[in-house]
Amino acid sequence: MVRIGQRRSPALPSTDDQEARRTAILLAATRLGRTREIDRIAAQEIAGEAGVALRTLYRYYPSKYHVFAAVLGAQVAALAHRAGPVQPTADPAEAVGDLMAGACRNLLQHHHLAHAMITSTQVVRAHAGATGDHAMRDLILATAGVVHPTEGHLRTARLVEQVTFGVLTWTVGGELDASQAVADVRLACRSLIGHGFGAAAD
């Protein structure tokens, strides 16, 4: 059974130097995660690769699983940044399908890292409960052109995110290959958004 230490909230950086150290930790984990399985990576090794003390890593991330879950969060943030201003779209399902398919392809470029990010996110969520992180949901809504979401919009966006995470879980577990994952995510977006957003907007 995975053990991730005492439950506590990670510290947040309050200075540029602290933010730089936290970024260095995430970049180090990304480099190591591309080369081998998470079970063969220790928190001490991530700290060494980042050039910080182990206690510094633990200040921001209680375990290596928190580190790799944060790497996934950083990739979602980068995805939102790359997306830039959202243009009006006549086909929300197609727009969101492109977004999520691209995200899947990007995440699955490095199998070991994808596995580390997905499994670590599951471990952290199981340990800590709800995170209150709605970055992916909000990006889905924005991509679909939803400015003032109803409860129906929120539910549909949440389902798209949940299905995509499930597809990624199956893929890193070896049940699907990357092309199947992308096709499944596109189908889910067409099925969910084609009905859900249209119904929610009525």
Protein backbone atom coordinates (compact mmCIF):
# COMPACT_ATOMS: atom_id res chain seq x y z
CA MET A 1 0.00 0.00 0.00
CA VAL A 2 1.25 3.48 -0.88
CA ARG A 3 2.21 5.62 2.11
CA ILE A 4 2.53 9.35 1.64
CA GLY A 5 3.11 10.55 5.17
CA GLN A 6 1.13 12.76 7.48
CA ARG A 7 -1.79 14.61 5.96
CA ARG A 8 -1.01 18.31 5.73
CA SER A 9 -1.35 21.19 3.30
CA PRO A 10 1.78 21.88 1.24
CA ALA A 11 3.40 25.27 1.79
CA LEU A 12 2.93 27.92 -0.88
CA PRO A 13 5.90 29.96 -2.12
CA SER A 14 5.83 33.58 -1.00
CA THR A 15 8.97 34.91 -2.71
CA ASP A 16 10.49 34.67 -6.19
CA ASP A 17 13.30 32.49 -4.83
CA GLN A 18 10.83 30.08 -3.26
CA GLU A 19 8.84 29.92 -6.49
CA ALA A 20 12.06 29.22 -8.39
CA ARG A 21 12.90 26.34 -6.04
CA ARG A 22 9.44 24.86 -6.42
CA THR A 23 9.67 25.15 -10.20
CA ALA A 24 13.09 23.47 -10.12
CA ILE A 25 11.57 20.55 -8.20
CA LEU A 26 8.84 20.08 -10.80
CA LEU A 27 11.30 20.27 -13.68
CA ALA A 28 13.59 17.76 -11.97
CA ALA A 29 10.69 15.35 -11.43
CA THR A 30 9.72 15.74 -15.08
CA ARG A 31 13.23 14.86 -16.24
CA LEU A 32 13.48 11.84 -13.96
CA GLY A 33 9.93 10.72 -14.69
CA ARG A 34 10.68 10.48 -18.39
CA THR A 35 13.46 7.97 -17.80
CA ARG A 36 11.99 5.35 -15.46
CA GLU A 37 9.08 4.20 -13.32
CA ILE A 38 7.98 6.23 -10.33
CA ASP A 39 8.71 3.28 -8.00
CA ARG A 40 12.39 3.65 -8.92
CA ILE A 41 12.48 7.38 -8.15
CA ALA A 42 13.01 8.61 -4.58
CA ALA A 43 12.16 12.03 -3.20
CA GLN A 44 15.84 12.43 -2.27
CA GLU A 45 16.78 11.94 -5.92
CA ILE A 46 14.27 14.56 -7.09
CA ALA A 47 15.65 17.02 -4.54
CA GLY A 48 19.22 16.33 -5.65
CA GLU A 49 18.32 16.76 -9.32
CA ALA A 50 16.60 20.05 -8.46
CA GLY A 51 19.55 21.30 -6.41
CA VAL A 52 17.53 21.72 -3.22
CA ALA A 53 17.61 20.09 0.20
CA LEU A 54 15.21 17.23 0.86
CA ARG A 55 13.54 19.26 3.61
CA THR A 56 12.85 21.98 1.02
CA LEU A 57 11.10 19.49 -1.23
CA TYR A 58 9.01 18.22 1.69
CA ARG A 59 8.07 21.78 2.61
CA TYR A 60 6.21 22.15 -0.67
CA TYR A 61 5.36 18.52 -1.40
CA PRO A 62 4.73 16.01 1.43
CA SER A 63 5.71 13.10 -0.84
CA LYS A 64 6.99 12.30 -4.30
CA TYR A 65 3.38 11.58 -5.26
CA HIS A 66 2.49 15.18 -4.47
CA VAL A 67 5.38 16.25 -6.69
CA PHE A 68 4.18 14.26 -9.70
CA ALA A 69 0.56 15.30 -9.13
CA ALA A 70 1.80 18.89 -9.19
CA VAL A 71 3.64 18.18 -12.46
CA LEU A 72 0.27 17.24 -13.96
CA GLY A 73 -1.25 20.43 -12.56
CA ALA A 74 1.55 22.44 -14.14
CA GLN A 75 0.92 20.79 -17.49
CA VAL A 76 -2.76 21.72 -17.29
CA ALA A 77 -1.78 25.32 -16.51
CA ALA A 78 0.61 25.31 -19.47
CA LEU A 79 -2.16 23.95 -21.68
CA ALA A 80 -4.40 26.85 -20.70
CA HIS A 81 -1.57 29.30 -21.40
CA ARG A 82 -0.90 27.82 -24.84
CA ALA A 83 -4.60 27.90 -25.70
CA GLY A 84 -4.58 31.69 -25.39
CA PRO A 85 -7.73 33.76 -25.98
CA VAL A 86 -10.64 31.53 -26.91
CA GLN A 87 -12.27 32.25 -30.25
CA PRO A 88 -16.05 31.92 -30.71
CA THR A 89 -16.92 28.47 -32.03
CA ALA A 90 -19.97 27.09 -33.78
CA ASP A 91 -19.06 23.55 -32.70
CA PRO A 92 -18.22 23.35 -28.98
CA ALA A 93 -17.88 19.56 -29.10
CA GLU A 94 -15.25 19.76 -31.84
CA ALA A 95 -13.35 22.54 -30.08
CA VAL A 96 -13.25 20.71 -26.77
CA GLY A 97 -12.44 17.46 -28.56
CA ASP A 98 -9.40 19.11 -30.13
CA LEU A 99 -8.36 20.48 -26.73
CA MET A 100 -8.66 17.19 -24.86
CA ALA A 101 -7.19 15.07 -27.66
CA GLY A 102 -4.18 17.39 -27.79
CA ALA A 103 -3.83 17.19 -24.02
CA CYS A 104 -3.88 13.39 -24.16
CA ARG A 105 -1.26 13.25 -26.90
CA ASN A 106 0.97 15.61 -24.94
CA LEU A 107 0.61 13.70 -21.66
CA LEU A 108 1.23 10.33 -23.30
CA GLN A 109 4.45 11.33 -25.06
CA HIS A 110 6.49 9.83 -22.21
CA HIS A 111 4.91 6.67 -20.81
CA HIS A 112 6.74 6.56 -17.47
CA LEU A 113 6.00 10.23 -16.77
CA ALA A 114 2.35 9.86 -17.75
CA HIS A 115 2.02 6.86 -15.45
CA ALA A 116 3.68 8.78 -12.60
CA MET A 117 1.41 11.81 -13.02
CA ILE A 118 -1.85 9.86 -13.32
CA THR A 119 -1.21 7.37 -10.52
CA SER A 120 0.18 10.06 -8.21
CA THR A 121 -2.91 12.21 -8.74
CA GLN A 122 -5.08 9.24 -7.77
CA VAL A 123 -2.99 8.61 -4.64
CA VAL A 124 -3.09 12.25 -3.54
CA ARG A 125 -6.82 12.56 -4.14
CA ALA A 126 -7.51 9.37 -2.19
CA HIS A 127 -5.40 10.67 0.69
CA ALA A 128 -6.52 14.30 0.79
CA GLY A 129 -10.00 14.30 -0.73
CA ALA A 130 -11.32 17.10 -2.92
CA THR A 131 -8.69 19.59 -4.09
CA GLY A 132 -10.97 22.37 -5.29
CA ASP A 133 -8.87 22.63 -8.45
CA HIS A 134 -11.16 23.55 -11.35
CA ALA A 135 -8.52 24.63 -13.87
CA MET A 136 -9.30 21.89 -16.38
CA ARG A 137 -13.05 22.28 -15.98
CA ASP A 138 -12.80 26.03 -16.51
CA LEU A 139 -10.63 25.55 -19.61
CA ILE A 140 -13.19 23.14 -21.06
CA LEU A 141 -15.98 25.64 -20.50
CA ALA A 142 -13.98 28.50 -21.99
CA THR A 143 -13.06 26.41 -25.04
CA ALA A 144 -16.73 25.59 -25.54
CA GLY A 145 -17.56 29.29 -25.45
CA VAL A 146 -19.50 29.11 -22.19
CA VAL A 147 -19.24 32.47 -20.41
CA HIS A 148 -21.91 32.10 -17.73
CA PRO A 149 -22.07 28.37 -16.93
CA THR A 150 -25.22 26.79 -15.58
CA GLU A 151 -25.18 23.74 -13.34
CA GLY A 152 -25.71 21.67 -16.49
CA HIS A 153 -22.64 23.19 -18.12
CA LEU A 154 -20.56 22.51 -15.02
CA ARG A 155 -21.75 18.91 -14.83
CA THR A 156 -20.96 18.26 -18.48
CA ALA A 157 -17.49 19.80 -18.23
CA ARG A 158 -16.86 17.73 -15.10
CA LEU A 159 -17.88 14.57 -16.95
CA VAL A 160 -15.56 15.37 -19.85
CA GLU A 161 -12.68 15.78 -17.39
CA GLN A 162 -13.58 12.57 -15.55
CA VAL A 163 -13.86 10.52 -18.73
CA THR A 164 -10.56 11.86 -20.04
CA PHE A 165 -8.81 11.01 -16.77
CA GLY A 166 -10.32 7.53 -16.91
CA VAL A 167 -9.11 7.02 -20.47
CA LEU A 168 -5.63 8.15 -19.44
CA THR A 169 -5.71 5.73 -16.51
CA TRP A 170 -6.56 2.86 -18.83
CA THR A 171 -3.83 3.92 -21.25
CA VAL A 172 -0.98 4.15 -18.73
CA GLY A 173 -2.18 0.79 -17.40
CA GLY A 174 -1.70 -0.78 -20.83
CA GLU A 175 -5.36 -1.31 -21.74
CA LEU A 176 -5.31 1.24 -24.60
CA ASP A 177 -2.69 2.69 -26.90
CA ALA A 178 -2.35 6.42 -27.50
CA SER A 179 -4.35 6.46 -30.73
CA GLN A 180 -7.23 4.59 -29.09
CA ALA A 181 -7.12 6.99 -26.15
CA VAL A 182 -7.36 10.04 -28.41
CA ALA A 183 -10.22 8.49 -30.40
CA ASP A 184 -12.11 7.61 -27.21
CA VAL A 185 -11.70 11.11 -25.81
CA ARG A 186 -12.97 12.68 -29.03
CA LEU A 187 -15.99 10.38 -28.99
CA ALA A 188 -16.70 11.26 -25.37
CA CYS A 189 -16.57 14.97 -26.16
CA ARG A 190 -18.98 14.58 -29.07
CA SER A 191 -21.34 12.45 -26.99
CA LEU A 192 -21.29 14.58 -23.84
CA ILE A 193 -20.98 18.11 -25.17
CA GLY A 194 -23.15 17.67 -28.22
CA HIS A 195 -26.01 16.84 -25.86
CA GLY A 196 -25.07 18.33 -22.50
CA PHE A 197 -24.10 21.87 -23.46
CA GLY A 198 -26.95 22.21 -25.90
CA ALA A 199 -29.44 21.04 -23.30
CA ALA A 200 -27.90 23.18 -20.59
CA ALA A 201 -28.12 26.28 -22.75
CA ASP A 202 -31.84 25.85 -23.43
